Each structure stands twice: as C-alpha cells, then as structure tokens.
Amino acid sequence: EKDKAFVDDFSTSTNDGNIVLTSYS
C-alpha cells in the first residue's frame, strides 16, 4: 500500500502489447 502513489492507472486488458529485453549487463 505504501507504493500506491507510484502506481498510475493502467489497462486491465490481458492480451494487449508486449515487452522485450533487448540489452543486458
């Protein structure tokens, strides 16, 4: 709960978008 201020509103859709790791060190 203490981090609630950092969580903006977001979509609850389950199949939209992707996120990919492109570089790692």
PDB file of all heavy atoms in Angstrom:
ATOM      1  N   GLU A   1       0.818  -1.213   0.000  1.00  0.00           N
ATOM      2  CA  GLU A   1       0.000   0.000   0.000  1.00  0.00           C
ATOM      3  C   GLU A   1       0.854   1.266   0.000  1.00  0.00           C
ATOM      4  O   GLU A   1       0.468   2.286  -0.561  1.00  0.00           O
ATOM      5  CB  GLU A   1      -0.920   0.000   1.227  1.00  0.00           C
ATOM      6  CG  GLU A   1      -2.070  -0.990   1.166  1.00  0.00           C
ATOM      7  CD  GLU A   1      -3.253  -0.480   0.356  1.00  0.00           C
ATOM      8  OE1 GLU A   1      -3.197   0.693  -0.088  1.00  0.00           O
ATOM      9  OE2 GLU A   1      -4.214  -1.244   0.187  1.00  0.00           O
ATOM     10  N   LYS A   2       2.031   1.196   0.635  1.00  0.00           N
ATOM     11  CA  LYS A   2       2.891   2.379   0.724  1.00  0.00           C
ATOM     12  C   LYS A   2       3.378   2.850  -0.643  1.00  0.00           C
ATOM     13  O   LYS A   2       3.803   4.002  -0.799  1.00  0.00           O
ATOM     14  CB  LYS A   2       4.095   2.088   1.624  1.00  0.00           C
ATOM     15  CG  LYS A   2       5.084   1.085   1.068  1.00  0.00           C
ATOM     16  CD  LYS A   2       6.240   0.839   2.018  1.00  0.00           C
ATOM     17  CE  LYS A   2       7.273  -0.126   1.424  1.00  0.00           C
ATOM     18  NZ  LYS A   2       7.904   0.404   0.199  1.00  0.00           N
ATOM     19  N   ASP A   3       3.313   1.971  -1.652  1.00  0.00           N
ATOM     20  CA  ASP A   3       3.767   2.330  -3.001  1.00  0.00           C
ATOM     21  C   ASP A   3       2.618   2.707  -3.927  1.00  0.00           C
ATOM     22  O   ASP A   3       2.826   2.891  -5.133  1.00  0.00           O
ATOM     23  CB  ASP A   3       4.538   1.161  -3.616  1.00  0.00           C
ATOM     24  CG  ASP A   3       5.871   0.923  -2.923  1.00  0.00           C
ATOM     25  OD1 ASP A   3       6.492   1.913  -2.492  1.00  0.00           O
ATOM     26  OD2 ASP A   3       6.292  -0.248  -2.820  1.00  0.00           O
ATOM     27  N   LYS A   4       1.436   2.861  -3.388  1.00  0.00           N
ATOM     28  CA  LYS A   4       0.259   3.105  -4.216  1.00  0.00           C
ATOM     29  C   LYS A   4       0.390   4.393  -5.033  1.00  0.00           C
ATOM     30  O   LYS A   4      -0.088   4.470  -6.170  1.00  0.00           O
ATOM     31  CB  LYS A   4      -0.990   3.179  -3.329  1.00  0.00           C
ATOM     32  CG  LYS A   4      -2.276   2.782  -4.039  1.00  0.00           C
ATOM     33  CD  LYS A   4      -3.379   2.489  -3.032  1.00  0.00           C
ATOM     34  CE  LYS A   4      -4.556   1.825  -3.723  1.00  0.00           C
ATOM     35  NZ  LYS A   4      -5.597   1.394  -2.766  1.00  0.00           N
ATOM     36  N   ALA A   5       1.063   5.387  -4.477  1.00  0.00           N
ATOM     37  CA  ALA A   5       1.214   6.659  -5.173  1.00  0.00           C
ATOM     38  C   ALA A   5       2.055   6.532  -6.442  1.00  0.00           C
ATOM     39  O   ALA A   5       1.969   7.377  -7.339  1.00  0.00           O
ATOM     40  CB  ALA A   5       1.846   7.689  -4.240  1.00  0.00           C
ATOM     41  N   PHE A   6       2.875   5.480  -6.527  1.00  0.00           N
ATOM     42  CA  PHE A   6       3.744   5.300  -7.689  1.00  0.00           C
ATOM     43  C   PHE A   6       3.077   4.502  -8.805  1.00  0.00           C
ATOM     44  O   PHE A   6       3.631   4.376  -9.896  1.00  0.00           O
ATOM     45  CB  PHE A   6       5.032   4.574  -7.285  1.00  0.00           C
ATOM     46  CG  PHE A   6       5.836   5.297  -6.255  1.00  0.00           C
ATOM     47  CD1 PHE A   6       6.264   4.649  -5.117  1.00  0.00           C
ATOM     48  CD2 PHE A   6       6.149   6.641  -6.408  1.00  0.00           C
ATOM     49  CE1 PHE A   6       7.010   5.308  -4.158  1.00  0.00           C
ATOM     50  CE2 PHE A   6       6.884   7.316  -5.459  1.00  0.00           C
ATOM     51  CZ  PHE A   6       7.319   6.648  -4.322  1.00  0.00           C
ATOM     52  N   VAL A   7       1.891   3.944  -8.515  1.00  0.00           N
ATOM     53  CA  VAL A   7       1.214   3.092  -9.490  1.00  0.00           C
ATOM     54  C   VAL A   7       0.121   3.902 -10.188  1.00  0.00           C
ATOM     55  O   VAL A   7      -0.930   4.177  -9.613  1.00  0.00           O
ATOM     56  CB  VAL A   7       0.615   1.842  -8.817  1.00  0.00           C
ATOM     57  CG1 VAL A   7      -0.016   0.933  -9.869  1.00  0.00           C
ATOM     58  CG2 VAL A   7       1.694   1.083  -8.041  1.00  0.00           C
ATOM     59  N   ASP A   8       0.382   4.285 -11.423  1.00  0.00           N
ATOM     60  CA  ASP A   8      -0.603   5.035 -12.189  1.00  0.00           C
ATOM     61  C   ASP A   8      -1.722   4.106 -12.674  1.00  0.00           C
ATOM     62  O   ASP A   8      -1.584   2.878 -12.653  1.00  0.00           O
ATOM     63  CB  ASP A   8       0.065   5.705 -13.393  1.00  0.00           C
ATOM     64  CG  ASP A   8       1.153   6.683 -12.975  1.00  0.00           C
ATOM     65  OD1 ASP A   8       0.987   7.327 -11.918  1.00  0.00           O
ATOM     66  OD2 ASP A   8       2.168   6.790 -13.695  1.00  0.00           O
ATOM     67  N   ASP A   9      -2.809   4.691 -13.123  1.00  0.00           N
ATOM     68  CA  ASP A   9      -3.896   3.897 -13.689  1.00  0.00           C
ATOM     69  C   ASP A   9      -3.389   3.119 -14.897  1.00  0.00           C
ATOM     70  O   ASP A   9      -2.567   3.615 -15.684  1.00  0.00           O
ATOM     71  CB  ASP A   9      -5.053   4.798 -14.106  1.00  0.00           C
ATOM     72  CG  ASP A   9      -5.751   5.441 -12.906  1.00  0.00           C
ATOM     73  OD1 ASP A   9      -5.662   4.864 -11.805  1.00  0.00           O
ATOM     74  OD2 ASP A   9      -6.354   6.507 -13.077  1.00  0.00           O
ATOM     75  N   PHE A  10      -3.863   1.887 -15.075  1.00  0.00           N
ATOM     76  CA  PHE A  10      -3.403   1.064 -16.190  1.00  0.00           C
ATOM     77  C   PHE A  10      -4.544   0.210 -16.712  1.00  0.00           C
ATOM     78  O   PHE A  10      -5.537  -0.032 -16.019  1.00  0.00           O
ATOM     79  CB  PHE A  10      -2.237   0.166 -15.756  1.00  0.00           C
ATOM     80  CG  PHE A  10      -2.579  -0.814 -14.668  1.00  0.00           C
ATOM     81  CD1 PHE A  10      -2.995  -2.101 -14.981  1.00  0.00           C
ATOM     82  CD2 PHE A  10      -2.497  -0.449 -13.328  1.00  0.00           C
ATOM     83  CE1 PHE A  10      -3.317  -3.002 -13.984  1.00  0.00           C
ATOM     84  CE2 PHE A  10      -2.815  -1.353 -12.322  1.00  0.00           C
ATOM     85  CZ  PHE A  10      -3.229  -2.629 -12.654  1.00  0.00           C
ATOM     86  N   SER A  11      -4.393  -0.261 -17.935  1.00  0.00           N
ATOM     87  CA  SER A  11      -5.402  -1.099 -18.571  1.00  0.00           C
ATOM     88  C   SER A  11      -5.384  -2.496 -17.975  1.00  0.00           C
ATOM     89  O   SER A  11      -4.318  -3.044 -17.681  1.00  0.00           O
ATOM     90  CB  SER A  11      -5.145  -1.179 -20.079  1.00  0.00           C
ATOM     91  OG  SER A  11      -5.988  -2.138 -20.685  1.00  0.00           O
ATOM     92  N   THR A  12      -6.558  -3.077 -17.822  1.00  0.00           N
ATOM     93  CA  THR A  12      -6.657  -4.448 -17.303  1.00  0.00           C
ATOM     94  C   THR A  12      -6.828  -5.466 -18.430  1.00  0.00           C
ATOM     95  O   THR A  12      -7.122  -6.627 -18.178  1.00  0.00           O
ATOM     96  CB  THR A  12      -7.834  -4.578 -16.325  1.00  0.00           C
ATOM     97  OG1 THR A  12      -9.055  -4.218 -16.994  1.00  0.00           O
ATOM     98  CG2 THR A  12      -7.641  -3.663 -15.126  1.00  0.00           C
ATOM     99  N   SER A  13      -6.629  -5.032 -19.659  1.00  0.00           N
ATOM    100  CA  SER A  13      -6.705  -5.959 -20.782  1.00  0.00           C
ATOM    101  C   SER A  13      -5.621  -7.015 -20.644  1.00  0.00           C
ATOM    102  O   SER A  13      -4.499  -6.724 -20.236  1.00  0.00           O
ATOM    103  CB  SER A  13      -6.523  -5.202 -22.102  1.00  0.00           C
ATOM    104  OG  SER A  13      -6.468  -6.100 -23.184  1.00  0.00           O
ATOM    105  N   THR A  14      -5.935  -8.259 -20.991  1.00  0.00           N
ATOM    106  CA  THR A  14      -4.989  -9.354 -20.760  1.00  0.00           C
ATOM    107  C   THR A  14      -4.152  -9.709 -21.979  1.00  0.00           C
ATOM    108  O   THR A  14      -3.284 -10.569 -21.900  1.00  0.00           O
ATOM    109  CB  THR A  14      -5.744 -10.622 -20.319  1.00  0.00           C
ATOM    110  OG1 THR A  14      -6.673 -10.993 -21.346  1.00  0.00           O
ATOM    111  CG2 THR A  14      -6.459 -10.391 -19.013  1.00  0.00           C
ATOM    112  N   ASN A  15      -4.395  -9.089 -23.123  1.00  0.00           N
ATOM    113  CA  ASN A  15      -3.683  -9.548 -24.318  1.00  0.00           C
ATOM    114  C   ASN A  15      -3.146  -8.408 -25.180  1.00  0.00           C
ATOM    115  O   ASN A  15      -2.894  -8.609 -26.372  1.00  0.00           O
ATOM    116  CB  ASN A  15      -4.589 -10.451 -25.166  1.00  0.00           C
ATOM    117  CG  ASN A  15      -5.851  -9.731 -25.633  1.00  0.00           C
ATOM    118  OD1 ASN A  15      -6.095  -8.606 -25.248  1.00  0.00           O
ATOM    119  ND2 ASN A  15      -6.620 -10.403 -26.465  1.00  0.00           N
ATOM    120  N   ASP A  16      -2.994  -7.242 -24.612  1.00  0.00           N
ATOM    121  CA  ASP A  16      -2.526  -6.111 -25.399  1.00  0.00           C
ATOM    122  C   ASP A  16      -1.056  -5.812 -25.103  1.00  0.00           C
ATOM    123  O   ASP A  16      -0.680  -5.628 -23.946  1.00  0.00           O
ATOM    124  CB  ASP A  16      -3.354  -4.850 -25.091  1.00  0.00           C
ATOM    125  CG  ASP A  16      -4.770  -4.953 -25.629  1.00  0.00           C
ATOM    126  OD1 ASP A  16      -4.961  -5.744 -26.570  1.00  0.00           O
ATOM    127  OD2 ASP A  16      -5.653  -4.260 -25.118  1.00  0.00           O
ATOM    128  N   GLY A  17      -0.254  -5.750 -26.146  1.00  0.00           N
ATOM    129  CA  GLY A  17       1.106  -5.267 -26.006  1.00  0.00           C
ATOM    130  C   GLY A  17       2.119  -6.326 -25.649  1.00  0.00           C
ATOM    131  O   GLY A  17       1.791  -7.465 -25.308  1.00  0.00           O
ATOM    132  N   ASN A  18       3.383  -5.933 -25.744  1.00  0.00           N
ATOM    133  CA  ASN A  18       4.477  -6.820 -25.363  1.00  0.00           C
ATOM    134  C   ASN A  18       5.628  -5.997 -24.821  1.00  0.00           C
ATOM    135  O   ASN A  18       5.713  -4.782 -25.029  1.00  0.00           O
ATOM    136  CB  ASN A  18       4.924  -7.698 -26.534  1.00  0.00           C
ATOM    137  CG  ASN A  18       5.368  -6.879 -27.729  1.00  0.00           C
ATOM    138  OD1 ASN A  18       6.353  -6.152 -27.666  1.00  0.00           O
ATOM    139  ND2 ASN A  18       4.640  -6.991 -28.835  1.00  0.00           N
ATOM    140  N   ILE A  19       6.502  -6.672 -24.126  1.00  0.00           N
ATOM    141  CA  ILE A  19       7.683  -6.034 -23.555  1.00  0.00           C
ATOM    142  C   ILE A  19       8.845  -7.003 -23.727  1.00  0.00           C
ATOM    143  O   ILE A  19       8.730  -8.192 -23.400  1.00  0.00           O
ATOM    144  CB  ILE A  19       7.438  -5.652 -22.077  1.00  0.00           C
ATOM    145  CG1 ILE A  19       8.674  -4.974 -21.482  1.00  0.00           C
ATOM    146  CG2 ILE A  19       7.010  -6.839 -21.245  1.00  0.00           C
ATOM    147  CD1 ILE A  19       8.378  -4.295 -20.154  1.00  0.00           C
ATOM    148  N   VAL A  20       9.960  -6.502 -24.275  1.00  0.00           N
ATOM    149  CA  VAL A  20      11.068  -7.363 -24.685  1.00  0.00           C
ATOM    150  C   VAL A  20      12.381  -6.818 -24.137  1.00  0.00           C
ATOM    151  O   VAL A  20      12.655  -5.619 -24.240  1.00  0.00           O
ATOM    152  CB  VAL A  20      11.155  -7.437 -26.224  1.00  0.00           C
ATOM    153  CG1 VAL A  20      12.290  -8.372 -26.654  1.00  0.00           C
ATOM    154  CG2 VAL A  20       9.828  -7.892 -26.823  1.00  0.00           C
ATOM    155  N   LEU A  21      13.181  -7.686 -23.549  1.00  0.00           N
ATOM    156  CA  LEU A  21      14.529  -7.318 -23.114  1.00  0.00           C
ATOM    157  C   LEU A  21      15.445  -7.313 -24.328  1.00  0.00           C
ATOM    158  O   LEU A  21      15.572  -8.312 -25.031  1.00  0.00           O
ATOM    159  CB  LEU A  21      15.035  -8.324 -22.078  1.00  0.00           C
ATOM    160  CG  LEU A  21      16.467  -8.130 -21.586  1.00  0.00           C
ATOM    161  CD1 LEU A  21      16.595  -6.843 -20.777  1.00  0.00           C
ATOM    162  CD2 LEU A  21      16.890  -9.325 -20.722  1.00  0.00           C
ATOM    163  N   THR A  22      16.107  -6.170 -24.591  1.00  0.00           N
ATOM    164  CA  THR A  22      16.962  -6.059 -25.774  1.00  0.00           C
ATOM    165  C   THR A  22      18.436  -5.940 -25.448  1.00  0.00           C
ATOM    166  O   THR A  22      19.283  -6.150 -26.314  1.00  0.00           O
ATOM    167  CB  THR A  22      16.549  -4.838 -26.625  1.00  0.00           C
ATOM    168  OG1 THR A  22      16.685  -3.639 -25.837  1.00  0.00           O
ATOM    169  CG2 THR A  22      15.109  -4.974 -27.105  1.00  0.00           C
ATOM    170  N   SER A  23      18.770  -5.591 -24.208  1.00  0.00           N
ATOM    171  CA  SER A  23      20.179  -5.454 -23.830  1.00  0.00           C
ATOM    172  C   SER A  23      20.310  -5.742 -22.342  1.00  0.00           C
ATOM    173  O   SER A  23      19.487  -5.282 -21.541  1.00  0.00           O
ATOM    174  CB  SER A  23      20.687  -4.039 -24.144  1.00  0.00           C
ATOM    175  OG  SER A  23      22.019  -3.848 -23.696  1.00  0.00           O
ATOM    176  N   TYR A  24      21.376  -6.498 -21.991  1.00  0.00           N
ATOM    177  CA  TYR A  24      21.544  -6.879 -20.587  1.00  0.00           C
ATOM    178  C   TYR A  24      22.996  -6.777 -20.181  1.00  0.00           C
ATOM    179  O   TYR A  24      23.890  -7.297 -20.846  1.00  0.00           O
ATOM    180  CB  TYR A  24      21.069  -8.323 -20.369  1.00  0.00           C
ATOM    181  CG  TYR A  24      21.165  -8.777 -18.929  1.00  0.00           C
ATOM    182  CD1 TYR A  24      20.079  -8.653 -18.081  1.00  0.00           C
ATOM    183  CD2 TYR A  24      22.348  -9.310 -18.425  1.00  0.00           C
ATOM    184  CE1 TYR A  24      20.161  -9.060 -16.755  1.00  0.00           C
ATOM    185  CE2 TYR A  24      22.441  -9.721 -17.102  1.00  0.00           C
ATOM    186  CZ  TYR A  24      21.343  -9.589 -16.276  1.00  0.00           C
ATOM    187  OH  TYR A  24      21.432  -9.983 -14.964  1.00  0.00           O
ATOM    188  N   SER A  25      23.250  -6.099 -19.074  1.00  0.00           N
ATOM    189  CA  SER A  25      24.547  -6.098 -18.396  1.00  0.00           C
ATOM    190  C   SER A  25      24.258  -5.927 -16.912  1.00  0.00           C
ATOM    191  O   SER A  25      23.148  -5.517 -16.535  1.00  0.00           O
ATOM    192  CB  SER A  25      25.458  -4.989 -18.919  1.00  0.00           C
ATOM    193  OG  SER A  25      24.937  -3.708 -18.602  1.00  0.00           O
TER     194      SER A  25
END
